[in-house]
Amino acid sequence: MYDERFAEIYDAAHGFKDYARESKYVADAIKCVNAGARTMLEVACGTGRFLERFRTDFDVQGLDYSRAMLARASERVPGVALHE
């Protein structure tokens, strides 16, 4: 488990990720397997960068063991259920 302080720099440390492309790939794969999929639980949702994109296609919820990450996610995706 990483230090809770990592939440402060998590987005900057993952700035290289193409969240739009990766989330589209995952959403398309899910729809290919189950065209009627409407809900998604993102495990290890971190600061919610994927959740904010997945919520356009799915009713999303997030799960993470880090309270600090979930606090950031709650700011990014208000109204989305987040679980510790």
PDB file of N, CA and C in Angstrom:
ATOM      1  N   MET A   1       0.849  -1.173   0.000  1.00  0.00           N
ATOM      2  CA  MET A   1       0.000   0.000   0.000  1.00  0.00           C
ATOM      3  C   MET A   1       0.897   1.240   0.000  1.00  0.00           C
ATOM      4  N   TYR A   2       0.528   2.208  -0.806  1.00  0.00           N
ATOM      5  CA  TYR A   2       1.328   3.416  -0.880  1.00  0.00           C
ATOM      6  C   TYR A   2       0.883   4.425   0.172  1.00  0.00           C
ATOM      7  N   ASP A   3       1.702   5.380   0.385  1.00  0.00           N
ATOM      8  CA  ASP A   3       1.458   6.435   1.352  1.00  0.00           C
ATOM      9  C   ASP A   3       0.270   7.291   0.894  1.00  0.00           C
ATOM     10  N   GLU A   4      -0.585   7.688   1.833  1.00  0.00           N
ATOM     11  CA  GLU A   4      -1.747   8.515   1.519  1.00  0.00           C
ATOM     12  C   GLU A   4      -1.352   9.838   0.851  1.00  0.00           C
ATOM     13  N   ARG A   5      -0.143  10.284   1.092  1.00  0.00           N
ATOM     14  CA  ARG A   5       0.305  11.545   0.493  1.00  0.00           C
ATOM     15  C   ARG A   5       0.457  11.446  -1.025  1.00  0.00           C
ATOM     16  N   PHE A   6       0.506  10.227  -1.545  1.00  0.00           N
ATOM     17  CA  PHE A   6       0.636  10.034  -2.991  1.00  0.00           C
ATOM     18  C   PHE A   6      -0.553  10.625  -3.738  1.00  0.00           C
ATOM     19  N   ALA A   7      -1.694  10.712  -3.082  1.00  0.00           N
ATOM     20  CA  ALA A   7      -2.887  11.287  -3.716  1.00  0.00           C
ATOM     21  C   ALA A   7      -2.628  12.719  -4.169  1.00  0.00           C
ATOM     22  N   GLU A   8      -1.744  13.418  -3.463  1.00  0.00           N
ATOM     23  CA  GLU A   8      -1.433  14.807  -3.803  1.00  0.00           C
ATOM     24  C   GLU A   8      -0.756  14.930  -5.162  1.00  0.00           C
ATOM     25  N   ILE A   9       0.003  13.914  -5.558  1.00  0.00           N
ATOM     26  CA  ILE A   9       0.751  13.993  -6.814  1.00  0.00           C
ATOM     27  C   ILE A   9       0.305  12.948  -7.837  1.00  0.00           C
ATOM     28  N   TYR A  10      -0.714  12.174  -7.504  1.00  0.00           N
ATOM     29  CA  TYR A  10      -1.141  11.061  -8.351  1.00  0.00           C
ATOM     30  C   TYR A  10      -1.441  11.496  -9.790  1.00  0.00           C
ATOM     31  N   ASP A  11      -2.240  12.539  -9.954  1.00  0.00           N
ATOM     32  CA  ASP A  11      -2.593  12.965 -11.305  1.00  0.00           C
ATOM     33  C   ASP A  11      -1.376  13.450 -12.091  1.00  0.00           C
ATOM     34  N   ALA A  12      -0.495  14.168 -11.436  1.00  0.00           N
ATOM     35  CA  ALA A  12       0.717  14.629 -12.117  1.00  0.00           C
ATOM     36  C   ALA A  12       1.609  13.449 -12.493  1.00  0.00           C
ATOM     37  N   ALA A  13       1.703  12.468 -11.603  1.00  0.00           N
ATOM     38  CA  ALA A  13       2.542  11.297 -11.868  1.00  0.00           C
ATOM     39  C   ALA A  13       1.989  10.432 -13.001  1.00  0.00           C
ATOM     40  N   HIS A  14       0.689  10.542 -13.256  1.00  0.00           N
ATOM     41  CA  HIS A  14       0.055   9.765 -14.318  1.00  0.00           C
ATOM     42  C   HIS A  14      -0.366  10.649 -15.487  1.00  0.00           C
ATOM     43  N   GLY A  15       0.265  11.796 -15.619  1.00  0.00           N
ATOM     44  CA  GLY A  15      -0.058  12.735 -16.682  1.00  0.00           C
ATOM     45  C   GLY A  15       0.204  12.202 -18.077  1.00  0.00           C
ATOM     46  N   PHE A  16       1.002  11.171 -18.177  1.00  0.00           N
ATOM     47  CA  PHE A  16       1.315  10.564 -19.478  1.00  0.00           C
ATOM     48  C   PHE A  16       0.168   9.724 -20.027  1.00  0.00           C
ATOM     49  N   LYS A  17      -0.786   9.347 -19.183  1.00  0.00           N
ATOM     50  CA  LYS A  17      -1.872   8.461 -19.596  1.00  0.00           C
ATOM     51  C   LYS A  17      -2.858   9.185 -20.501  1.00  0.00           C
ATOM     52  N   ASP A  18      -3.329   8.488 -21.508  1.00  0.00           N
ATOM     53  CA  ASP A  18      -4.367   9.015 -22.394  1.00  0.00           C
ATOM     54  C   ASP A  18      -5.706   8.462 -21.902  1.00  0.00           C
ATOM     55  N   TYR A  19      -6.284   9.136 -20.924  1.00  0.00           N
ATOM     56  CA  TYR A  19      -7.508   8.654 -20.288  1.00  0.00           C
ATOM     57  C   TYR A  19      -8.665   8.558 -21.280  1.00  0.00           C
ATOM     58  N   ALA A  20      -8.744   9.479 -22.217  1.00  0.00           N
ATOM     59  CA  ALA A  20      -9.827   9.445 -23.205  1.00  0.00           C
ATOM     60  C   ALA A  20      -9.729   8.183 -24.061  1.00  0.00           C
ATOM     61  N   ARG A  21      -8.556   7.900 -24.570  1.00  0.00           N
ATOM     62  CA  ARG A  21      -8.374   6.726 -25.431  1.00  0.00           C
ATOM     63  C   ARG A  21      -8.569   5.442 -24.657  1.00  0.00           C
ATOM     64  N   GLU A  22      -7.966   5.356 -23.487  1.00  0.00           N
ATOM     65  CA  GLU A  22      -8.064   4.130 -22.690  1.00  0.00           C
ATOM     66  C   GLU A  22      -9.493   3.860 -22.224  1.00  0.00           C
ATOM     67  N   SER A  23     -10.203   4.892 -21.815  1.00  0.00           N
ATOM     68  CA  SER A  23     -11.572   4.680 -21.345  1.00  0.00           C
ATOM     69  C   SER A  23     -12.492   4.306 -22.501  1.00  0.00           C
ATOM     70  N   LYS A  24     -12.261   4.860 -23.682  1.00  0.00           N
ATOM     71  CA  LYS A  24     -13.054   4.482 -24.852  1.00  0.00           C
ATOM     72  C   LYS A  24     -12.820   3.019 -25.202  1.00  0.00           C
ATOM     73  N   TYR A  25     -11.569   2.585 -25.131  1.00  0.00           N
ATOM     74  CA  TYR A  25     -11.234   1.188 -25.421  1.00  0.00           C
ATOM     75  C   TYR A  25     -11.972   0.248 -24.456  1.00  0.00           C
ATOM     76  N   VAL A  26     -11.927   0.566 -23.181  1.00  0.00           N
ATOM     77  CA  VAL A  26     -12.584  -0.277 -22.172  1.00  0.00           C
ATOM     78  C   VAL A  26     -14.101  -0.267 -22.373  1.00  0.00           C
ATOM     79  N   ALA A  27     -14.685   0.907 -22.562  1.00  0.00           N
ATOM     80  CA  ALA A  27     -16.132   1.005 -22.761  1.00  0.00           C
ATOM     81  C   ALA A  27     -16.565   0.230 -24.004  1.00  0.00           C
ATOM     82  N   ASP A  28     -15.807   0.346 -25.089  1.00  0.00           N
ATOM     83  CA  ASP A  28     -16.126  -0.388 -26.315  1.00  0.00           C
ATOM     84  C   ASP A  28     -16.027  -1.893 -26.099  1.00  0.00           C
ATOM     85  N   ALA A  29     -15.025  -2.332 -25.342  1.00  0.00           N
ATOM     86  CA  ALA A  29     -14.856  -3.765 -25.063  1.00  0.00           C
ATOM     87  C   ALA A  29     -16.027  -4.292 -24.231  1.00  0.00           C
ATOM     88  N   ILE A  30     -16.452  -3.516 -23.261  1.00  0.00           N
ATOM     89  CA  ILE A  30     -17.585  -3.924 -22.427  1.00  0.00           C
ATOM     90  C   ILE A  30     -18.843  -4.032 -23.284  1.00  0.00           C
ATOM     91  N   LYS A  31     -19.082  -3.037 -24.110  1.00  0.00           N
ATOM     92  CA  LYS A  31     -20.271  -3.042 -24.962  1.00  0.00           C
ATOM     93  C   LYS A  31     -20.234  -4.172 -25.984  1.00  0.00           C
ATOM     94  N   CYS A  32     -19.045  -4.548 -26.409  1.00  0.00           N
ATOM     95  CA  CYS A  32     -18.894  -5.657 -27.352  1.00  0.00           C
ATOM     96  C   CYS A  32     -19.313  -6.972 -26.688  1.00  0.00           C
ATOM     97  N   VAL A  33     -18.964  -7.139 -25.436  1.00  0.00           N
ATOM     98  CA  VAL A  33     -19.298  -8.360 -24.694  1.00  0.00           C
ATOM     99  C   VAL A  33     -20.732  -8.321 -24.194  1.00  0.00           C
ATOM    100  N   ASN A  34     -21.171  -7.138 -23.750  1.00  0.00           N
ATOM    101  CA  ASN A  34     -22.525  -7.000 -23.206  1.00  0.00           C
ATOM    102  C   ASN A  34     -23.088  -5.639 -23.629  1.00  0.00           C
ATOM    103  N   ALA A  35     -23.755  -5.625 -24.763  1.00  0.00           N
ATOM    104  CA  ALA A  35     -24.267  -4.375 -25.325  1.00  0.00           C
ATOM    105  C   ALA A  35     -25.241  -3.674 -24.383  1.00  0.00           C
ATOM    106  N   GLY A  36     -25.866  -4.421 -23.491  1.00  0.00           N
ATOM    107  CA  GLY A  36     -26.826  -3.839 -22.571  1.00  0.00           C
ATOM    108  C   GLY A  36     -26.243  -3.388 -21.251  1.00  0.00           C
ATOM    109  N   ALA A  37     -24.930  -3.457 -21.102  1.00  0.00           N
ATOM    110  CA  ALA A  37     -24.297  -3.057 -19.837  1.00  0.00           C
ATOM    111  C   ALA A  37     -24.615  -1.599 -19.531  1.00  0.00           C
ATOM    112  N   ARG A  38     -25.083  -1.352 -18.325  1.00  0.00           N
ATOM    113  CA  ARG A  38     -25.446   0.005 -17.923  1.00  0.00           C
ATOM    114  C   ARG A  38     -24.727   0.457 -16.661  1.00  0.00           C
ATOM    115  N   THR A  39     -24.159  -0.486 -15.909  1.00  0.00           N
ATOM    116  CA  THR A  39     -23.501  -0.124 -14.656  1.00  0.00           C
ATOM    117  C   THR A  39     -22.046  -0.560 -14.679  1.00  0.00           C
ATOM    118  N   MET A  40     -21.244   0.145 -13.878  1.00  0.00           N
ATOM    119  CA  MET A  40     -19.824  -0.191 -13.795  1.00  0.00           C
ATOM    120  C   MET A  40     -19.302   0.149 -12.400  1.00  0.00           C
ATOM    121  N   LEU A  41     -18.554  -0.765 -11.834  1.00  0.00           N
ATOM    122  CA  LEU A  41     -17.807  -0.512 -10.609  1.00  0.00           C
ATOM    123  C   LEU A  41     -16.342  -0.485 -10.994  1.00  0.00           C
ATOM    124  N   GLU A  42     -15.706   0.660 -10.810  1.00  0.00           N
ATOM    125  CA  GLU A  42     -14.276   0.741 -11.087  1.00  0.00           C
ATOM    126  C   GLU A  42     -13.522   0.457  -9.793  1.00  0.00           C
ATOM    127  N   VAL A  43     -12.786  -0.634  -9.790  1.00  0.00           N
ATOM    128  CA  VAL A  43     -11.982  -1.026  -8.635  1.00  0.00           C
ATOM    129  C   VAL A  43     -10.632  -0.322  -8.743  1.00  0.00           C
ATOM    130  N   ALA A  44     -10.170   0.240  -7.639  1.00  0.00           N
ATOM    131  CA  ALA A  44      -8.936   1.034  -7.600  1.00  0.00           C
ATOM    132  C   ALA A  44      -9.126   2.286  -8.454  1.00  0.00           C
ATOM    133  N   CYS A  45     -10.186   3.026  -8.179  1.00  0.00           N
ATOM    134  CA  CYS A  45     -10.568   4.187  -8.995  1.00  0.00           C
ATOM    135  C   CYS A  45      -9.655   5.389  -8.804  1.00  0.00           C
ATOM    136  N   GLY A  46      -8.801   5.356  -7.801  1.00  0.00           N
ATOM    137  CA  GLY A  46      -7.872   6.464  -7.607  1.00  0.00           C
ATOM    138  C   GLY A  46      -8.583   7.793  -7.473  1.00  0.00           C
ATOM    139  N   THR A  47      -8.141   8.775  -8.241  1.00  0.00           N
ATOM    140  CA  THR A  47      -8.691  10.125  -8.151  1.00  0.00           C
ATOM    141  C   THR A  47      -9.891  10.343  -9.075  1.00  0.00           C
ATOM    142  N   GLY A  48     -10.361   9.289  -9.713  1.00  0.00           N
ATOM    143  CA  GLY A  48     -11.581   9.374 -10.508  1.00  0.00           C
ATOM    144  C   GLY A  48     -11.411   9.807 -11.949  1.00  0.00           C
ATOM    145  N   ARG A  49     -10.194   9.797 -12.459  1.00  0.00           N
ATOM    146  CA  ARG A  49      -9.970  10.243 -13.843  1.00  0.00           C
ATOM    147  C   ARG A  49     -10.717   9.382 -14.850  1.00  0.00           C
ATOM    148  N   PHE A  50     -10.767   8.069 -14.639  1.00  0.00           N
ATOM    149  CA  PHE A  50     -11.539   7.217 -15.536  1.00  0.00           C
ATOM    150  C   PHE A  50     -13.031   7.333 -15.247  1.00  0.00           C
ATOM    151  N   LEU A  51     -13.399   7.447 -13.996  1.00  0.00           N
ATOM    152  CA  LEU A  51     -14.813   7.555 -13.643  1.00  0.00           C
ATOM    153  C   LEU A  51     -15.489   8.726 -14.356  1.00  0.00           C
ATOM    154  N   GLU A  52     -14.791   9.847 -14.443  1.00  0.00           N
ATOM    155  CA  GLU A  52     -15.400  11.004 -15.081  1.00  0.00           C
ATOM    156  C   GLU A  52     -15.686  10.739 -16.556  1.00  0.00           C
ATOM    157  N   ARG A  53     -14.948   9.855 -17.169  1.00  0.00           N
ATOM    158  CA  ARG A  53     -15.200   9.514 -18.567  1.00  0.00           C
ATOM    159  C   ARG A  53     -16.217   8.384 -18.692  1.00  0.00           C
ATOM    160  N   PHE A  54     -16.105   7.374 -17.839  1.00  0.00           N
ATOM    161  CA  PHE A  54     -17.033   6.242 -17.903  1.00  0.00           C
ATOM    162  C   PHE A  54     -18.470   6.657 -17.586  1.00  0.00           C
ATOM    163  N   ARG A  55     -18.637   7.707 -16.816  1.00  0.00           N
ATOM    164  CA  ARG A  55     -19.989   8.100 -16.406  1.00  0.00           C
ATOM    165  C   ARG A  55     -20.834   8.590 -17.570  1.00  0.00           C
ATOM    166  N   THR A  56     -20.222   8.867 -18.713  1.00  0.00           N
ATOM    167  CA  THR A  56     -21.015   9.260 -19.877  1.00  0.00           C
ATOM    168  C   THR A  56     -21.722   8.051 -20.503  1.00  0.00           C
ATOM    169  N   ASP A  57     -21.186   6.852 -20.290  1.00  0.00           N
ATOM    170  CA  ASP A  57     -21.757   5.630 -20.869  1.00  0.00           C
ATOM    171  C   ASP A  57     -22.402   4.699 -19.845  1.00  0.00           C
ATOM    172  N   PHE A  58     -22.032   4.851 -18.579  1.00  0.00           N
ATOM    173  CA  PHE A  58     -22.475   3.912 -17.553  1.00  0.00           C
ATOM    174  C   PHE A  58     -22.889   4.656 -16.280  1.00  0.00           C
ATOM    175  N   ASP A  59     -23.695   3.985 -15.478  1.00  0.00           N
ATOM    176  CA  ASP A  59     -23.963   4.434 -14.114  1.00  0.00           C
ATOM    177  C   ASP A  59     -22.799   3.881 -13.300  1.00  0.00           C
ATOM    178  N   VAL A  60     -21.882   4.744 -12.890  1.00  0.00           N
ATOM    179  CA  VAL A  60     -20.623   4.295 -12.301  1.00  0.00           C
ATOM    180  C   VAL A  60     -20.598   4.430 -10.787  1.00  0.00           C
ATOM    181  N   GLN A  61     -19.772   3.588 -10.180  1.00  0.00           N
ATOM    182  CA  GLN A  61     -19.383   3.694  -8.785  1.00  0.00           C
ATOM    183  C   GLN A  61     -17.890   3.409  -8.733  1.00  0.00           C
ATOM    184  N   GLY A  62     -17.224   3.940  -7.722  1.00  0.00           N
ATOM    185  CA  GLY A  62     -15.796   3.732  -7.578  1.00  0.00           C
ATOM    186  C   GLY A  62     -15.452   3.088  -6.249  1.00  0.00           C
ATOM    187  N   LEU A  63     -14.352   2.365  -6.240  1.00  0.00           N
ATOM    188  CA  LEU A  63     -13.852   1.682  -5.047  1.00  0.00           C
ATOM    189  C   LEU A  63     -12.356   1.905  -4.956  1.00  0.00           C
ATOM    190  N   ASP A  64     -11.895   2.311  -3.787  1.00  0.00           N
ATOM    191  CA  ASP A  64     -10.456   2.451  -3.554  1.00  0.00           C
ATOM    192  C   ASP A  64     -10.207   2.284  -2.062  1.00  0.00           C
ATOM    193  N   TYR A  65      -9.014   1.842  -1.683  1.00  0.00           N
ATOM    194  CA  TYR A  65      -8.697   1.673  -0.269  1.00  0.00           C
ATOM    195  C   TYR A  65      -8.116   2.941   0.336  1.00  0.00           C
ATOM    196  N   SER A  66      -7.855   3.948  -0.502  1.00  0.00           N
ATOM    197  CA  SER A  66      -7.243   5.176  -0.020  1.00  0.00           C
ATOM    198  C   SER A  66      -8.293   6.272   0.172  1.00  0.00           C
ATOM    199  N   ARG A  67      -8.450   6.713   1.393  1.00  0.00           N
ATOM    200  CA  ARG A  67      -9.386   7.809   1.670  1.00  0.00           C
ATOM    201  C   ARG A  67      -8.970   9.078   0.941  1.00  0.00           C
ATOM    202  N   ALA A  68      -7.679   9.318   0.862  1.00  0.00           N
ATOM    203  CA  ALA A  68      -7.182  10.522   0.193  1.00  0.00           C
ATOM    204  C   ALA A  68      -7.519  10.493  -1.297  1.00  0.00           C
ATOM    205  N   MET A  69      -7.377   9.339  -1.922  1.00  0.00           N
ATOM    206  CA  MET A  69      -7.738   9.208  -3.344  1.00  0.00           C
ATOM    207  C   MET A  69      -9.237   9.426  -3.517  1.00  0.00           C
ATOM    208  N   LEU A  70     -10.031   8.834  -2.649  1.00  0.00           N
ATOM    209  CA  LEU A  70     -11.485   8.972  -2.752  1.00  0.00           C
ATOM    210  C   LEU A  70     -11.920  10.419  -2.532  1.00  0.00           C
ATOM    211  N   ALA A  71     -11.217  11.133  -1.675  1.00  0.00           N
ATOM    212  CA  ALA A  71     -11.534  12.544  -1.461  1.00  0.00           C
ATOM    213  C   ALA A  71     -11.329  13.327  -2.751  1.00  0.00           C
ATOM    214  N   ARG A  72     -10.270  13.031  -3.459  1.00  0.00           N
ATOM    215  CA  ARG A  72     -10.021  13.706  -4.745  1.00  0.00           C
ATOM    216  C   ARG A  72     -11.045  13.281  -5.788  1.00  0.00           C
ATOM    217  N   ALA A  73     -11.374  12.004  -5.788  1.00  0.00           N
ATOM    218  CA  ALA A  73     -12.374  11.508  -6.742  1.00  0.00           C
ATOM    219  C   ALA A  73     -13.726  12.167  -6.490  1.00  0.00           C
ATOM    220  N   SER A  74     -14.082  12.358  -5.233  1.00  0.00           N
ATOM    221  CA  SER A  74     -15.386  12.962  -4.930  1.00  0.00           C
ATOM    222  C   SER A  74     -15.469  14.402  -5.437  1.00  0.00           C
ATOM    223  N   GLU A  75     -14.339  15.087  -5.490  1.00  0.00           N
ATOM    224  CA  GLU A  75     -14.302  16.431  -6.059  1.00  0.00           C
ATOM    225  C   GLU A  75     -14.443  16.379  -7.571  1.00  0.00           C
ATOM    226  N   ARG A  76     -13.845  15.383  -8.186  1.00  0.00           N
ATOM    227  CA  ARG A  76     -13.843  15.255  -9.645  1.00  0.00           C
ATOM    228  C   ARG A  76     -15.192  14.773 -10.176  1.00  0.00           C
ATOM    229  N   VAL A  77     -15.815  13.848  -9.461  1.00  0.00           N
ATOM    230  CA  VAL A  77     -17.079  13.259  -9.930  1.00  0.00           C
ATOM    231  C   VAL A  77     -18.145  13.353  -8.834  1.00  0.00           C
ATOM    232  N   PRO A  78     -18.607  14.575  -8.561  1.00  0.00           N
ATOM    233  CA  PRO A  78     -19.619  14.733  -7.510  1.00  0.00           C
ATOM    234  C   PRO A  78     -20.869  13.929  -7.841  1.00  0.00           C
ATOM    235  N   GLY A  79     -21.444  13.347  -6.807  1.00  0.00           N
ATOM    236  CA  GLY A  79     -22.652  12.580  -6.985  1.00  0.00           C
ATOM    237  C   GLY A  79     -22.436  11.113  -7.310  1.00  0.00           C
ATOM    238  N   VAL A  80     -21.197  10.735  -7.620  1.00  0.00           N
ATOM    239  CA  VAL A  80     -20.884   9.333  -7.893  1.00  0.00           C
ATOM    240  C   VAL A  80     -20.624   8.629  -6.561  1.00  0.00           C
ATOM    241  N   ALA A  81     -21.224   7.465  -6.386  1.00  0.00           N
ATOM    242  CA  ALA A  81     -21.008   6.681  -5.158  1.00  0.00           C
ATOM    243  C   ALA A  81     -19.573   6.160  -5.150  1.00  0.00           C
ATOM    244  N   LEU A  82     -18.883   6.429  -4.048  1.00  0.00           N
ATOM    245  CA  LEU A  82     -17.491   5.982  -3.874  1.00  0.00           C
ATOM    246  C   LEU A  82     -17.409   5.164  -2.597  1.00  0.00           C
ATOM    247  N   HIS A  83     -16.687   4.067  -2.665  1.00  0.00           N
ATOM    248  CA  HIS A  83     -16.614   3.135  -1.539  1.00  0.00           C
ATOM    249  C   HIS A  83     -15.152   2.897  -1.153  1.00  0.00           C
ATOM    250  N   GLU A  84     -14.952   2.811   0.158  1.00  0.00           N
ATOM    251  CA  GLU A  84     -13.600   2.530   0.685  1.00  0.00           C
ATOM    252  C   GLU A  84     -13.497   1.055   1.006  1.00  0.00           C
TER     253      GLU A  84
END
